[in-house]
Amino acid sequence: MHSDDHPRREDIRLVAVLRALADPVRLSVVRQVADDRPHACGSIATPLAPSAMTRHFRILRESGLVRTDPKGTSKLLTLRRDDLDARFPGLLDAVLRTPDGDGPAPGARSEWGRAALA
């Protein structure tokens, strides 16, 4: 893995980060590595085949969400929390606090509230 495969902090773009996080598999990976320690890619819990996960890891890496470093025959995945917090303060915390699922968080209201549905 070359350092060129990871965007520099100043090159991390919000659109790429949000696009990467929009996929439930990649969001799950980010949540699993959010404890700020390296995780072997093979230890990430997922129902997908390793070949499918390779693509997801690449998208996460290229977006700037994670760092992938070789260690022996495996690769270690680390969340780039410091870089993300510097570029987009509060974004990662908000994403990690949001419950799983496609619906809004409990108690969340739409911008227009219930009146828009009437």
PDB file of N, CA and C in Angstrom:
ATOM      1  N   MET A   1       0.844  -1.171   0.000  1.00  0.00           N
ATOM      2  CA  MET A   1       0.000   0.000   0.000  1.00  0.00           C
ATOM      3  C   MET A   1       0.891   1.237   0.000  1.00  0.00           C
ATOM      4  N   HIS A   2       0.656   2.115  -0.899  1.00  0.00           N
ATOM      5  CA  HIS A   2       1.419   3.353  -0.982  1.00  0.00           C
ATOM      6  C   HIS A   2       0.639   4.467  -0.307  1.00  0.00           C
ATOM      7  N   SER A   3       1.352   5.432   0.228  1.00  0.00           N
ATOM      8  CA  SER A   3       0.662   6.544   0.887  1.00  0.00           C
ATOM      9  C   SER A   3      -0.183   7.334  -0.107  1.00  0.00           C
ATOM     10  N   ASP A   4       0.130   7.207  -1.408  1.00  0.00           N
ATOM     11  CA  ASP A   4      -0.648   7.909  -2.422  1.00  0.00           C
ATOM     12  C   ASP A   4      -2.077   7.386  -2.515  1.00  0.00           C
ATOM     13  N   ASP A   5      -2.322   6.171  -1.988  1.00  0.00           N
ATOM     14  CA  ASP A   5      -3.656   5.593  -2.038  1.00  0.00           C
ATOM     15  C   ASP A   5      -4.603   6.251  -1.037  1.00  0.00           C
ATOM     16  N   HIS A   6      -4.053   7.006  -0.107  1.00  0.00           N
ATOM     17  CA  HIS A   6      -4.853   7.692   0.904  1.00  0.00           C
ATOM     18  C   HIS A   6      -4.816   9.188   0.605  1.00  0.00           C
ATOM     19  N   PRO A   7      -5.985   9.826   0.523  1.00  0.00           N
ATOM     20  CA  PRO A   7      -5.944  11.273   0.296  1.00  0.00           C
ATOM     21  C   PRO A   7      -5.337  11.996   1.500  1.00  0.00           C
ATOM     22  N   ARG A   8      -4.633  13.073   1.206  1.00  0.00           N
ATOM     23  CA  ARG A   8      -4.127  13.911   2.296  1.00  0.00           C
ATOM     24  C   ARG A   8      -5.328  14.555   2.982  1.00  0.00           C
ATOM     25  N   ARG A   9      -5.121  14.957   4.213  1.00  0.00           N
ATOM     26  CA  ARG A   9      -6.216  15.557   4.991  1.00  0.00           C
ATOM     27  C   ARG A   9      -6.919  16.652   4.198  1.00  0.00           C
ATOM     28  N   GLU A  10      -6.161  17.548   3.612  1.00  0.00           N
ATOM     29  CA  GLU A  10      -6.774  18.682   2.908  1.00  0.00           C
ATOM     30  C   GLU A  10      -7.474  18.272   1.616  1.00  0.00           C
ATOM     31  N   ASP A  11      -7.239  17.041   1.155  1.00  0.00           N
ATOM     32  CA  ASP A  11      -7.876  16.565  -0.072  1.00  0.00           C
ATOM     33  C   ASP A  11      -9.125  15.725   0.183  1.00  0.00           C
ATOM     34  N   ILE A  12      -9.459  15.493   1.435  1.00  0.00           N
ATOM     35  CA  ILE A  12     -10.670  14.730   1.752  1.00  0.00           C
ATOM     36  C   ILE A  12     -11.877  15.612   1.434  1.00  0.00           C
ATOM     37  N   ARG A  13     -12.784  15.096   0.620  1.00  0.00           N
ATOM     38  CA  ARG A  13     -13.938  15.858   0.161  1.00  0.00           C
ATOM     39  C   ARG A  13     -15.224  15.350   0.805  1.00  0.00           C
ATOM     40  N   LEU A  14     -16.069  16.257   1.212  1.00  0.00           N
ATOM     41  CA  LEU A  14     -17.316  15.918   1.882  1.00  0.00           C
ATOM     42  C   LEU A  14     -18.189  15.010   1.018  1.00  0.00           C
ATOM     43  N   VAL A  15     -18.294  15.291  -0.258  1.00  0.00           N
ATOM     44  CA  VAL A  15     -19.134  14.480  -1.142  1.00  0.00           C
ATOM     45  C   VAL A  15     -18.654  13.032  -1.158  1.00  0.00           C
ATOM     46  N   ALA A  16     -17.351  12.816  -1.215  1.00  0.00           N
ATOM     47  CA  ALA A  16     -16.808  11.454  -1.224  1.00  0.00           C
ATOM     48  C   ALA A  16     -17.077  10.745   0.099  1.00  0.00           C
ATOM     49  N   VAL A  17     -16.940  11.468   1.200  1.00  0.00           N
ATOM     50  CA  VAL A  17     -17.195  10.888   2.522  1.00  0.00           C
ATOM     51  C   VAL A  17     -18.666  10.503   2.649  1.00  0.00           C
ATOM     52  N   LEU A  18     -19.563  11.401   2.277  1.00  0.00           N
ATOM     53  CA  LEU A  18     -20.996  11.116   2.391  1.00  0.00           C
ATOM     54  C   LEU A  18     -21.420   9.990   1.456  1.00  0.00           C
ATOM     55  N   ARG A  19     -20.855   9.967   0.263  1.00  0.00           N
ATOM     56  CA  ARG A  19     -21.159   8.887  -0.681  1.00  0.00           C
ATOM     57  C   ARG A  19     -20.721   7.541  -0.099  1.00  0.00           C
ATOM     58  N   ALA A  20     -19.543   7.505   0.500  1.00  0.00           N
ATOM     59  CA  ALA A  20     -19.047   6.260   1.097  1.00  0.00           C
ATOM     60  C   ALA A  20     -19.929   5.831   2.264  1.00  0.00           C
ATOM     61  N   LEU A  21     -20.349   6.776   3.081  1.00  0.00           N
ATOM     62  CA  LEU A  21     -21.167   6.464   4.253  1.00  0.00           C
ATOM     63  C   LEU A  21     -22.608   6.097   3.900  1.00  0.00           C
ATOM     64  N   ALA A  22     -23.040   6.424   2.687  1.00  0.00           N
ATOM     65  CA  ALA A  22     -24.416   6.148   2.281  1.00  0.00           C
ATOM     66  C   ALA A  22     -24.685   4.657   2.105  1.00  0.00           C
ATOM     67  N   ASP A  23     -23.643   3.865   1.935  1.00  0.00           N
ATOM     68  CA  ASP A  23     -23.814   2.425   1.771  1.00  0.00           C
ATOM     69  C   ASP A  23     -23.867   1.756   3.144  1.00  0.00           C
ATOM     70  N   PRO A  24     -24.877   0.934   3.421  1.00  0.00           N
ATOM     71  CA  PRO A  24     -25.005   0.312   4.748  1.00  0.00           C
ATOM     72  C   PRO A  24     -23.814  -0.568   5.135  1.00  0.00           C
ATOM     73  N   VAL A  25     -23.218  -1.244   4.174  1.00  0.00           N
ATOM     74  CA  VAL A  25     -22.056  -2.091   4.478  1.00  0.00           C
ATOM     75  C   VAL A  25     -20.887  -1.229   4.924  1.00  0.00           C
ATOM     76  N   ARG A  26     -20.628  -0.156   4.186  1.00  0.00           N
ATOM     77  CA  ARG A  26     -19.502   0.717   4.542  1.00  0.00           C
ATOM     78  C   ARG A  26     -19.766   1.453   5.851  1.00  0.00           C
ATOM     79  N   LEU A  27     -20.998   1.858   6.083  1.00  0.00           N
ATOM     80  CA  LEU A  27     -21.341   2.493   7.357  1.00  0.00           C
ATOM     81  C   LEU A  27     -21.093   1.525   8.512  1.00  0.00           C
ATOM     82  N   SER A  28     -21.437   0.268   8.320  1.00  0.00           N
ATOM     83  CA  SER A  28     -21.191  -0.749   9.340  1.00  0.00           C
ATOM     84  C   SER A  28     -19.697  -0.905   9.610  1.00  0.00           C
ATOM     85  N   VAL A  29     -18.896  -0.884   8.566  1.00  0.00           N
ATOM     86  CA  VAL A  29     -17.440  -0.989   8.733  1.00  0.00           C
ATOM     87  C   VAL A  29     -16.928   0.190   9.550  1.00  0.00           C
ATOM     88  N   VAL A  30     -17.361   1.394   9.215  1.00  0.00           N
ATOM     89  CA  VAL A  30     -16.918   2.590   9.940  1.00  0.00           C
ATOM     90  C   VAL A  30     -17.300   2.475  11.410  1.00  0.00           C
ATOM     91  N   ARG A  31     -18.489   2.009  11.691  1.00  0.00           N
ATOM     92  CA  ARG A  31     -18.907   1.854  13.091  1.00  0.00           C
ATOM     93  C   ARG A  31     -18.057   0.815  13.815  1.00  0.00           C
ATOM     94  N   GLN A  32     -17.671  -0.240  13.104  1.00  0.00           N
ATOM     95  CA  GLN A  32     -16.868  -1.291  13.731  1.00  0.00           C
ATOM     96  C   GLN A  32     -15.443  -0.844  14.035  1.00  0.00           C
ATOM     97  N   VAL A  33     -14.919   0.092  13.257  1.00  0.00           N
ATOM     98  CA  VAL A  33     -13.535   0.540  13.482  1.00  0.00           C
ATOM     99  C   VAL A  33     -13.479   1.874  14.217  1.00  0.00           C
ATOM    100  N   ALA A  34     -14.600   2.315  14.761  1.00  0.00           N
ATOM    101  CA  ALA A  34     -14.673   3.627  15.408  1.00  0.00           C
ATOM    102  C   ALA A  34     -14.022   3.675  16.778  1.00  0.00           C
ATOM    103  N   ASP A  35     -13.444   2.577  17.233  1.00  0.00           N
ATOM    104  CA  ASP A  35     -12.805   2.567  18.552  1.00  0.00           C
ATOM    105  C   ASP A  35     -11.354   3.039  18.503  1.00  0.00           C
ATOM    106  N   ASP A  36     -10.961   3.590  17.378  1.00  0.00           N
ATOM    107  CA  ASP A  36      -9.637   4.216  17.226  1.00  0.00           C
ATOM    108  C   ASP A  36      -8.466   3.254  17.391  1.00  0.00           C
ATOM    109  N   ARG A  37      -8.661   2.004  17.071  1.00  0.00           N
ATOM    110  CA  ARG A  37      -7.537   1.068  17.050  1.00  0.00           C
ATOM    111  C   ARG A  37      -7.572   0.323  15.722  1.00  0.00           C
ATOM    112  N   PRO A  38      -6.435  -0.184  15.268  1.00  0.00           N
ATOM    113  CA  PRO A  38      -6.404  -0.907  13.991  1.00  0.00           C
ATOM    114  C   PRO A  38      -7.170  -2.231  14.063  1.00  0.00           C
ATOM    115  N   HIS A  39      -7.846  -2.544  12.974  1.00  0.00           N
ATOM    116  CA  HIS A  39      -8.595  -3.799  12.856  1.00  0.00           C
ATOM    117  C   HIS A  39      -8.137  -4.513  11.591  1.00  0.00           C
ATOM    118  N   ALA A  40      -7.880  -5.805  11.688  1.00  0.00           N
ATOM    119  CA  ALA A  40      -7.575  -6.587  10.491  1.00  0.00           C
ATOM    120  C   ALA A  40      -8.819  -6.600   9.610  1.00  0.00           C
ATOM    121  N   CYS A  41      -8.623  -6.393   8.317  1.00  0.00           N
ATOM    122  CA  CYS A  41      -9.770  -6.372   7.403  1.00  0.00           C
ATOM    123  C   CYS A  41     -10.589  -7.652   7.515  1.00  0.00           C
ATOM    124  N   GLY A  42      -9.919  -8.784   7.722  1.00  0.00           N
ATOM    125  CA  GLY A  42     -10.616 -10.059   7.837  1.00  0.00           C
ATOM    126  C   GLY A  42     -11.436 -10.201   9.103  1.00  0.00           C
ATOM    127  N   SER A  43     -11.243  -9.316  10.069  1.00  0.00           N
ATOM    128  CA  SER A  43     -11.991  -9.408  11.329  1.00  0.00           C
ATOM    129  C   SER A  43     -13.277  -8.589  11.313  1.00  0.00           C
ATOM    130  N   ILE A  44     -13.518  -7.858  10.243  1.00  0.00           N
ATOM    131  CA  ILE A  44     -14.719  -7.032  10.136  1.00  0.00           C
ATOM    132  C   ILE A  44     -15.928  -7.942   9.906  1.00  0.00           C
ATOM    133  N   ALA A  45     -16.934  -7.822  10.753  1.00  0.00           N
ATOM    134  CA  ALA A  45     -18.136  -8.649  10.641  1.00  0.00           C
ATOM    135  C   ALA A  45     -18.980  -8.188   9.460  1.00  0.00           C
ATOM    136  N   THR A  46     -19.209  -9.093   8.523  1.00  0.00           N
ATOM    137  CA  THR A  46     -19.999  -8.784   7.339  1.00  0.00           C
ATOM    138  C   THR A  46     -20.485 -10.083   6.701  1.00  0.00           C
ATOM    139  N   PRO A  47     -21.673 -10.063   6.088  1.00  0.00           N
ATOM    140  CA  PRO A  47     -22.154 -11.262   5.404  1.00  0.00           C
ATOM    141  C   PRO A  47     -21.582 -11.409   3.988  1.00  0.00           C
ATOM    142  N   LEU A  48     -20.797 -10.443   3.549  1.00  0.00           N
ATOM    143  CA  LEU A  48     -20.288 -10.455   2.177  1.00  0.00           C
ATOM    144  C   LEU A  48     -18.994 -11.245   2.049  1.00  0.00           C
ATOM    145  N   ALA A  49     -18.736 -11.698   0.837  1.00  0.00           N
ATOM    146  CA  ALA A  49     -17.501 -12.410   0.529  1.00  0.00           C
ATOM    147  C   ALA A  49     -16.326 -11.440   0.597  1.00  0.00           C
ATOM    148  N   PRO A  50     -15.135 -11.941   0.907  1.00  0.00           N
ATOM    149  CA  PRO A  50     -13.948 -11.071   0.962  1.00  0.00           C
ATOM    150  C   PRO A  50     -13.727 -10.280  -0.327  1.00  0.00           C
ATOM    151  N   SER A  51     -14.027 -10.879  -1.473  1.00  0.00           N
ATOM    152  CA  SER A  51     -13.834 -10.155  -2.735  1.00  0.00           C
ATOM    153  C   SER A  51     -14.749  -8.936  -2.824  1.00  0.00           C
ATOM    154  N   ALA A  52     -15.962  -9.053  -2.310  1.00  0.00           N
ATOM    155  CA  ALA A  52     -16.879  -7.910  -2.308  1.00  0.00           C
ATOM    156  C   ALA A  52     -16.418  -6.854  -1.312  1.00  0.00           C
ATOM    157  N   MET A  53     -15.871  -7.291  -0.202  1.00  0.00           N
ATOM    158  CA  MET A  53     -15.410  -6.347   0.818  1.00  0.00           C
ATOM    159  C   MET A  53     -14.210  -5.542   0.337  1.00  0.00           C
ATOM    160  N   THR A  54     -13.397  -6.131  -0.523  1.00  0.00           N
ATOM    161  CA  THR A  54     -12.237  -5.415  -1.055  1.00  0.00           C
ATOM    162  C   THR A  54     -12.671  -4.104  -1.695  1.00  0.00           C
ATOM    163  N   ARG A  55     -13.746  -4.143  -2.456  1.00  0.00           N
ATOM    164  CA  ARG A  55     -14.261  -2.925  -3.103  1.00  0.00           C
ATOM    165  C   ARG A  55     -14.722  -1.908  -2.055  1.00  0.00           C
ATOM    166  N   HIS A  56     -15.420  -2.364  -1.037  1.00  0.00           N
ATOM    167  CA  HIS A  56     -15.896  -1.458   0.013  1.00  0.00           C
ATOM    168  C   HIS A  56     -14.719  -0.831   0.771  1.00  0.00           C
ATOM    169  N   PHE A  57     -13.704  -1.630   1.082  1.00  0.00           N
ATOM    170  CA  PHE A  57     -12.522  -1.091   1.766  1.00  0.00           C
ATOM    171  C   PHE A  57     -11.831  -0.047   0.895  1.00  0.00           C
ATOM    172  N   ARG A  58     -11.772  -0.300  -0.415  1.00  0.00           N
ATOM    173  CA  ARG A  58     -11.135   0.658  -1.332  1.00  0.00           C
ATOM    174  C   ARG A  58     -11.898   1.983  -1.335  1.00  0.00           C
ATOM    175  N   ILE A  59     -13.213   1.924  -1.400  1.00  0.00           N
ATOM    176  CA  ILE A  59     -14.025   3.147  -1.413  1.00  0.00           C
ATOM    177  C   ILE A  59     -13.849   3.919  -0.106  1.00  0.00           C
ATOM    178  N   LEU A  60     -13.837   3.212   1.008  1.00  0.00           N
ATOM    179  CA  LEU A  60     -13.615   3.872   2.302  1.00  0.00           C
ATOM    180  C   LEU A  60     -12.242   4.527   2.356  1.00  0.00           C
ATOM    181  N   ARG A  61     -11.238   3.838   1.841  1.00  0.00           N
ATOM    182  CA  ARG A  61      -9.873   4.372   1.843  1.00  0.00           C
ATOM    183  C   ARG A  61      -9.767   5.593   0.926  1.00  0.00           C
ATOM    184  N   GLU A  62     -10.269   5.482  -0.292  1.00  0.00           N
ATOM    185  CA  GLU A  62     -10.165   6.576  -1.256  1.00  0.00           C
ATOM    186  C   GLU A  62     -10.975   7.797  -0.837  1.00  0.00           C
ATOM    187  N   SER A  63     -12.026   7.602  -0.057  1.00  0.00           N
ATOM    188  CA  SER A  63     -12.823   8.736   0.422  1.00  0.00           C
ATOM    189  C   SER A  63     -12.126   9.466   1.565  1.00  0.00           C
ATOM    190  N   GLY A  64     -11.168   8.796   2.205  1.00  0.00           N
ATOM    191  CA  GLY A  64     -10.463   9.396   3.329  1.00  0.00           C
ATOM    192  C   GLY A  64     -11.013   8.986   4.684  1.00  0.00           C
ATOM    193  N   LEU A  65     -12.001   8.104   4.700  1.00  0.00           N
ATOM    194  CA  LEU A  65     -12.585   7.671   5.974  1.00  0.00           C
ATOM    195  C   LEU A  65     -11.664   6.757   6.766  1.00  0.00           C
ATOM    196  N   VAL A  66     -10.951   5.889   6.083  1.00  0.00           N
ATOM    197  CA  VAL A  66     -10.083   4.938   6.780  1.00  0.00           C
ATOM    198  C   VAL A  66      -8.688   4.945   6.175  1.00  0.00           C
ATOM    199  N   ARG A  67      -7.774   4.434   6.960  1.00  0.00           N
ATOM    200  CA  ARG A  67      -6.401   4.208   6.512  1.00  0.00           C
ATOM    201  C   ARG A  67      -6.211   2.699   6.496  1.00  0.00           C
ATOM    202  N   THR A  68      -5.589   2.180   5.451  1.00  0.00           N
ATOM    203  CA  THR A  68      -5.302   0.758   5.337  1.00  0.00           C
ATOM    204  C   THR A  68      -3.795   0.591   5.291  1.00  0.00           C
ATOM    205  N   ASP A  69      -3.270  -0.154   6.243  1.00  0.00           N
ATOM    206  CA  ASP A  69      -1.828  -0.376   6.325  1.00  0.00           C
ATOM    207  C   ASP A  69      -1.534  -1.869   6.334  1.00  0.00           C
ATOM    208  N   PRO A  70      -0.531  -2.291   5.547  1.00  0.00           N
ATOM    209  CA  PRO A  70      -0.179  -3.713   5.531  1.00  0.00           C
ATOM    210  C   PRO A  70       0.495  -4.130   6.832  1.00  0.00           C
ATOM    211  N   LYS A  71       0.188  -5.344   7.259  1.00  0.00           N
ATOM    212  CA  LYS A  71       0.881  -5.942   8.396  1.00  0.00           C
ATOM    213  C   LYS A  71       0.992  -7.431   8.105  1.00  0.00           C
ATOM    214  N   GLY A  72       2.178  -7.851   7.723  1.00  0.00           N
ATOM    215  CA  GLY A  72       2.371  -9.241   7.334  1.00  0.00           C
ATOM    216  C   GLY A  72       1.536  -9.557   6.112  1.00  0.00           C
ATOM    217  N   THR A  73       0.715 -10.596   6.217  1.00  0.00           N
ATOM    218  CA  THR A  73      -0.126 -10.989   5.090  1.00  0.00           C
ATOM    219  C   THR A  73      -1.517 -10.369   5.152  1.00  0.00           C
ATOM    220  N   SER A  74      -1.767  -9.544   6.152  1.00  0.00           N
ATOM    221  CA  SER A  74      -3.085  -8.914   6.260  1.00  0.00           C
ATOM    222  C   SER A  74      -2.960  -7.401   6.160  1.00  0.00           C
ATOM    223  N   LYS A  75      -4.100  -6.751   6.168  1.00  0.00           N
ATOM    224  CA  LYS A  75      -4.150  -5.290   6.145  1.00  0.00           C
ATOM    225  C   LYS A  75      -4.927  -4.822   7.358  1.00  0.00           C
ATOM    226  N   LEU A  76      -4.443  -3.741   7.944  1.00  0.00           N
ATOM    227  CA  LEU A  76      -5.102  -3.159   9.114  1.00  0.00           C
ATOM    228  C   LEU A  76      -5.871  -1.913   8.703  1.00  0.00           C
ATOM    229  N   LEU A  77      -7.074  -1.815   9.195  1.00  0.00           N
ATOM    230  CA  LEU A  77      -7.967  -0.711   8.886  1.00  0.00           C
ATOM    231  C   LEU A  77      -8.093   0.168  10.120  1.00  0.00           C
ATOM    232  N   THR A  78      -7.898   1.479   9.945  1.00  0.00           N
ATOM    233  CA  THR A  78      -8.005   2.428  11.050  1.00  0.00           C
ATOM    234  C   THR A  78      -8.846   3.615  10.596  1.00  0.00           C
ATOM    235  N   LEU A  79      -9.790   4.026  11.415  1.00  0.00           N
ATOM    236  CA  LEU A  79     -10.602   5.203  11.125  1.00  0.00           C
ATOM    237  C   LEU A  79      -9.732   6.446  11.227  1.00  0.00           C
ATOM    238  N   ARG A  80      -9.843   7.348  10.267  1.00  0.00           N
ATOM    239  CA  ARG A  80      -9.047   8.580  10.256  1.00  0.00           C
ATOM    240  C   ARG A  80      -9.791   9.684  11.016  1.00  0.00           C
ATOM    241  N   ARG A  81     -10.095   9.412  12.257  1.00  0.00           N
ATOM    242  CA  ARG A  81     -10.904  10.327  13.071  1.00  0.00           C
ATOM    243  C   ARG A  81     -10.301  11.730  13.142  1.00  0.00           C
ATOM    244  N   ASP A  82      -9.007  11.839  13.421  1.00  0.00           N
ATOM    245  CA  ASP A  82      -8.392  13.170  13.551  1.00  0.00           C
ATOM    246  C   ASP A  82      -8.528  13.971  12.264  1.00  0.00           C
ATOM    247  N   ASP A  83      -8.275  13.330  11.128  1.00  0.00           N
ATOM    248  CA  ASP A  83      -8.378  14.025   9.844  1.00  0.00           C
ATOM    249  C   ASP A  83      -9.821  14.422   9.550  1.00  0.00           C
ATOM    250  N   LEU A  84     -10.756  13.519   9.821  1.00  0.00           N
ATOM    251  CA  LEU A  84     -12.166  13.814   9.555  1.00  0.00           C
ATOM    252  C   LEU A  84     -12.698  14.900  10.479  1.00  0.00           C
ATOM    253  N   ASP A  85     -12.306  14.853  11.749  1.00  0.00           N
ATOM    254  CA  ASP A  85     -12.747  15.889  12.687  1.00  0.00           C
ATOM    255  C   ASP A  85     -12.168  17.254  12.320  1.00  0.00           C
ATOM    256  N   ALA A  86     -10.957  17.267  11.797  1.00  0.00           N
ATOM    257  CA  ALA A  86     -10.346  18.534  11.385  1.00  0.00           C
ATOM    258  C   ALA A  86     -11.040  19.108  10.149  1.00  0.00           C
ATOM    259  N   ARG A  87     -11.395  18.242   9.211  1.00  0.00           N
ATOM    260  CA  ARG A  87     -12.029  18.709   7.971  1.00  0.00           C
ATOM    261  C   ARG A  87     -13.512  19.032   8.164  1.00  0.00           C
ATOM    262  N   PHE A  88     -14.208  18.159   8.896  1.00  0.00           N
ATOM    263  CA  PHE A  88     -15.661  18.282   9.037  1.00  0.00           C
ATOM    264  C   PHE A  88     -16.050  18.091  10.503  1.00  0.00           C
ATOM    265  N   PRO A  89     -15.824  19.110  11.329  1.00  0.00           N
ATOM    266  CA  PRO A  89     -16.079  18.980  12.769  1.00  0.00           C
ATOM    267  C   PRO A  89     -17.512  18.525  13.068  1.00  0.00           C
ATOM    268  N   GLY A  90     -17.618  17.492  13.886  1.00  0.00           N
ATOM    269  CA  GLY A  90     -18.914  16.997  14.315  1.00  0.00           C
ATOM    270  C   GLY A  90     -19.570  15.984  13.391  1.00  0.00           C
ATOM    271  N   LEU A  91     -19.122  15.882  12.152  1.00  0.00           N
ATOM    272  CA  LEU A  91     -19.763  14.975  11.200  1.00  0.00           C
ATOM    273  C   LEU A  91     -19.654  13.523  11.650  1.00  0.00           C
ATOM    274  N   LEU A  92     -18.463  13.090  11.956  1.00  0.00           N
ATOM    275  CA  LEU A  92     -18.260  11.692  12.329  1.00  0.00           C
ATOM    276  C   LEU A  92     -19.017  11.346  13.609  1.00  0.00           C
ATOM    277  N   ASP A  93     -18.994  12.228  14.583  1.00  0.00           N
ATOM    278  CA  ASP A  93     -19.741  11.982  15.820  1.00  0.00           C
ATOM    279  C   ASP A  93     -21.236  11.853  15.538  1.00  0.00           C
ATOM    280  N   ALA A  94     -21.756  12.699  14.669  1.00  0.00           N
ATOM    281  CA  ALA A  94     -23.177  12.635  14.328  1.00  0.00           C
ATOM    282  C   ALA A  94     -23.511  11.322  13.629  1.00  0.00           C
ATOM    283  N   VAL A  95     -22.663  10.907  12.729  1.00  0.00           N
ATOM    284  CA  VAL A  95     -22.884   9.645  12.013  1.00  0.00           C
ATOM    285  C   VAL A  95     -22.845   8.468  12.976  1.00  0.00           C
ATOM    286  N   LEU A  96     -21.896   8.475  13.879  1.00  0.00           N
ATOM    287  CA  LEU A  96     -21.745   7.354  14.805  1.00  0.00           C
ATOM    288  C   LEU A  96     -22.849   7.318  15.860  1.00  0.00           C
ATOM    289  N   ARG A  97     -23.455   8.457  16.168  1.00  0.00           N
ATOM    290  CA  ARG A  97     -24.554   8.515  17.146  1.00  0.00           C
ATOM    291  C   ARG A  97     -25.890   8.094  16.550  1.00  0.00           C
ATOM    292  N   THR A  98     -26.029   8.191  15.248  1.00  0.00           N
ATOM    293  CA  THR A  98     -27.287   7.874  14.590  1.00  0.00           C
ATOM    294  C   THR A  98     -27.537   6.375  14.654  1.00  0.00           C
ATOM    295  N   PRO A  99     -28.733   5.953  15.076  1.00  0.00           N
ATOM    296  CA  PRO A  99     -29.011   4.521  15.172  1.00  0.00           C
ATOM    297  C   PRO A  99     -29.005   3.851  13.802  1.00  0.00           C
ATOM    298  N   ASP A 100     -28.853   2.537  13.817  1.00  0.00           N
ATOM    299  CA  ASP A 100     -28.899   1.771  12.568  1.00  0.00           C
ATOM    300  C   ASP A 100     -30.291   1.855  11.968  1.00  0.00           C
ATOM    301  N   GLY A 101     -30.382   1.545  10.698  1.00  0.00           N
ATOM    302  CA  GLY A 101     -31.667   1.537  10.022  1.00  0.00           C
ATOM    303  C   GLY A 101     -31.770   2.695   9.061  1.00  0.00           C
ATOM    304  N   ASP A 102     -32.745   2.616   8.197  1.00  0.00           N
ATOM    305  CA  ASP A 102     -32.915   3.634   7.170  1.00  0.00           C
ATOM    306  C   ASP A 102     -33.793   4.790   7.618  1.00  0.00           C
ATOM    307  N   GLY A 103     -34.533   4.607   8.698  1.00  0.00           N
ATOM    308  CA  GLY A 103     -35.437   5.649   9.152  1.00  0.00           C
ATOM    309  C   GLY A 103     -34.728   6.680   9.994  1.00  0.00           C
ATOM    310  N   PRO A 104     -35.444   7.713  10.367  1.00  0.00           N
ATOM    311  CA  PRO A 104     -34.848   8.746  11.215  1.00  0.00           C
ATOM    312  C   PRO A 104     -34.590   8.216  12.621  1.00  0.00           C
ATOM    313  N   ALA A 105     -33.733   8.868  13.331  1.00  0.00           N
ATOM    314  CA  ALA A 105     -33.459   8.505  14.723  1.00  0.00           C
ATOM    315  C   ALA A 105     -34.726   8.715  15.539  1.00  0.00           C
ATOM    316  N   PRO A 106     -34.921   7.935  16.602  1.00  0.00           N
ATOM    317  CA  PRO A 106     -36.105   8.121  17.443  1.00  0.00           C
ATOM    318  C   PRO A 106     -36.205   9.573  17.919  1.00  0.00           C
ATOM    319  N   GLY A 107     -37.384  10.139  17.778  1.00  0.00           N
ATOM    320  CA  GLY A 107     -37.603  11.510  18.213  1.00  0.00           C
ATOM    321  C   GLY A 107     -37.190  12.558  17.193  1.00  0.00           C
ATOM    322  N   ALA A 108     -36.580  12.118  16.090  1.00  0.00           N
ATOM    323  CA  ALA A 108     -36.158  13.081  15.069  1.00  0.00           C
ATOM    324  C   ALA A 108     -37.380  13.568  14.308  1.00  0.00           C
ATOM    325  N   ARG A 109     -37.352  14.819  13.894  1.00  0.00           N
ATOM    326  CA  ARG A 109     -38.451  15.384  13.129  1.00  0.00           C
ATOM    327  C   ARG A 109     -37.920  15.858  11.800  1.00  0.00           C
ATOM    328  N   SER A 110     -38.768  15.772  10.807  1.00  0.00           N
ATOM    329  CA  SER A 110     -38.368  16.286   9.506  1.00  0.00           C
ATOM    330  C   SER A 110     -38.303  17.807   9.586  1.00  0.00           C
ATOM    331  N   GLU A 111     -37.749  18.395   8.571  1.00  0.00           N
ATOM    332  CA  GLU A 111     -37.609  19.853   8.523  1.00  0.00           C
ATOM    333  C   GLU A 111     -38.968  20.541   8.608  1.00  0.00           C
ATOM    334  N   TRP A 112     -40.002  19.887   8.086  1.00  0.00           N
ATOM    335  CA  TRP A 112     -41.316  20.506   8.026  1.00  0.00           C
ATOM    336  C   TRP A 112     -42.258  20.000   9.107  1.00  0.00           C
ATOM    337  N   GLY A 113     -41.846  18.995   9.858  1.00  0.00           N
ATOM    338  CA  GLY A 113     -42.717  18.434  10.890  1.00  0.00           C
ATOM    339  C   GLY A 113     -43.886  17.685  10.279  1.00  0.00           C
ATOM    340  N   ARG A 114     -44.869  17.370  11.087  1.00  0.00           N
ATOM    341  CA  ARG A 114     -46.014  16.592  10.616  1.00  0.00           C
ATOM    342  C   ARG A 114     -46.941  17.412   9.717  1.00  0.00           C
ATOM    343  N   ALA A 115     -46.909  18.705   9.810  1.00  0.00           N
ATOM    344  CA  ALA A 115     -47.818  19.540   9.024  1.00  0.00           C
ATOM    345  C   ALA A 115     -47.638  19.318   7.530  1.00  0.00           C
ATOM    346  N   ALA A 116     -46.437  18.973   7.114  1.00  0.00           N
ATOM    347  CA  ALA A 116     -46.182  18.776   5.691  1.00  0.00           C
ATOM    348  C   ALA A 116     -46.896  17.541   5.166  1.00  0.00           C
ATOM    349  N   LEU A 117     -47.247  16.597   6.059  1.00  0.00           N
ATOM    350  CA  LEU A 117     -47.906  15.371   5.630  1.00  0.00           C
ATOM    351  C   LEU A 117     -49.421  15.521   5.571  1.00  0.00           C
ATOM    352  N   ALA A 118     -49.963  16.559   6.166  1.00  0.00           N
ATOM    353  CA  ALA A 118     -51.421  16.730   6.237  1.00  0.00           C
ATOM    354  C   ALA A 118     -51.991  17.201   4.921  1.00  0.00           C
TER     355      ALA A 118
END
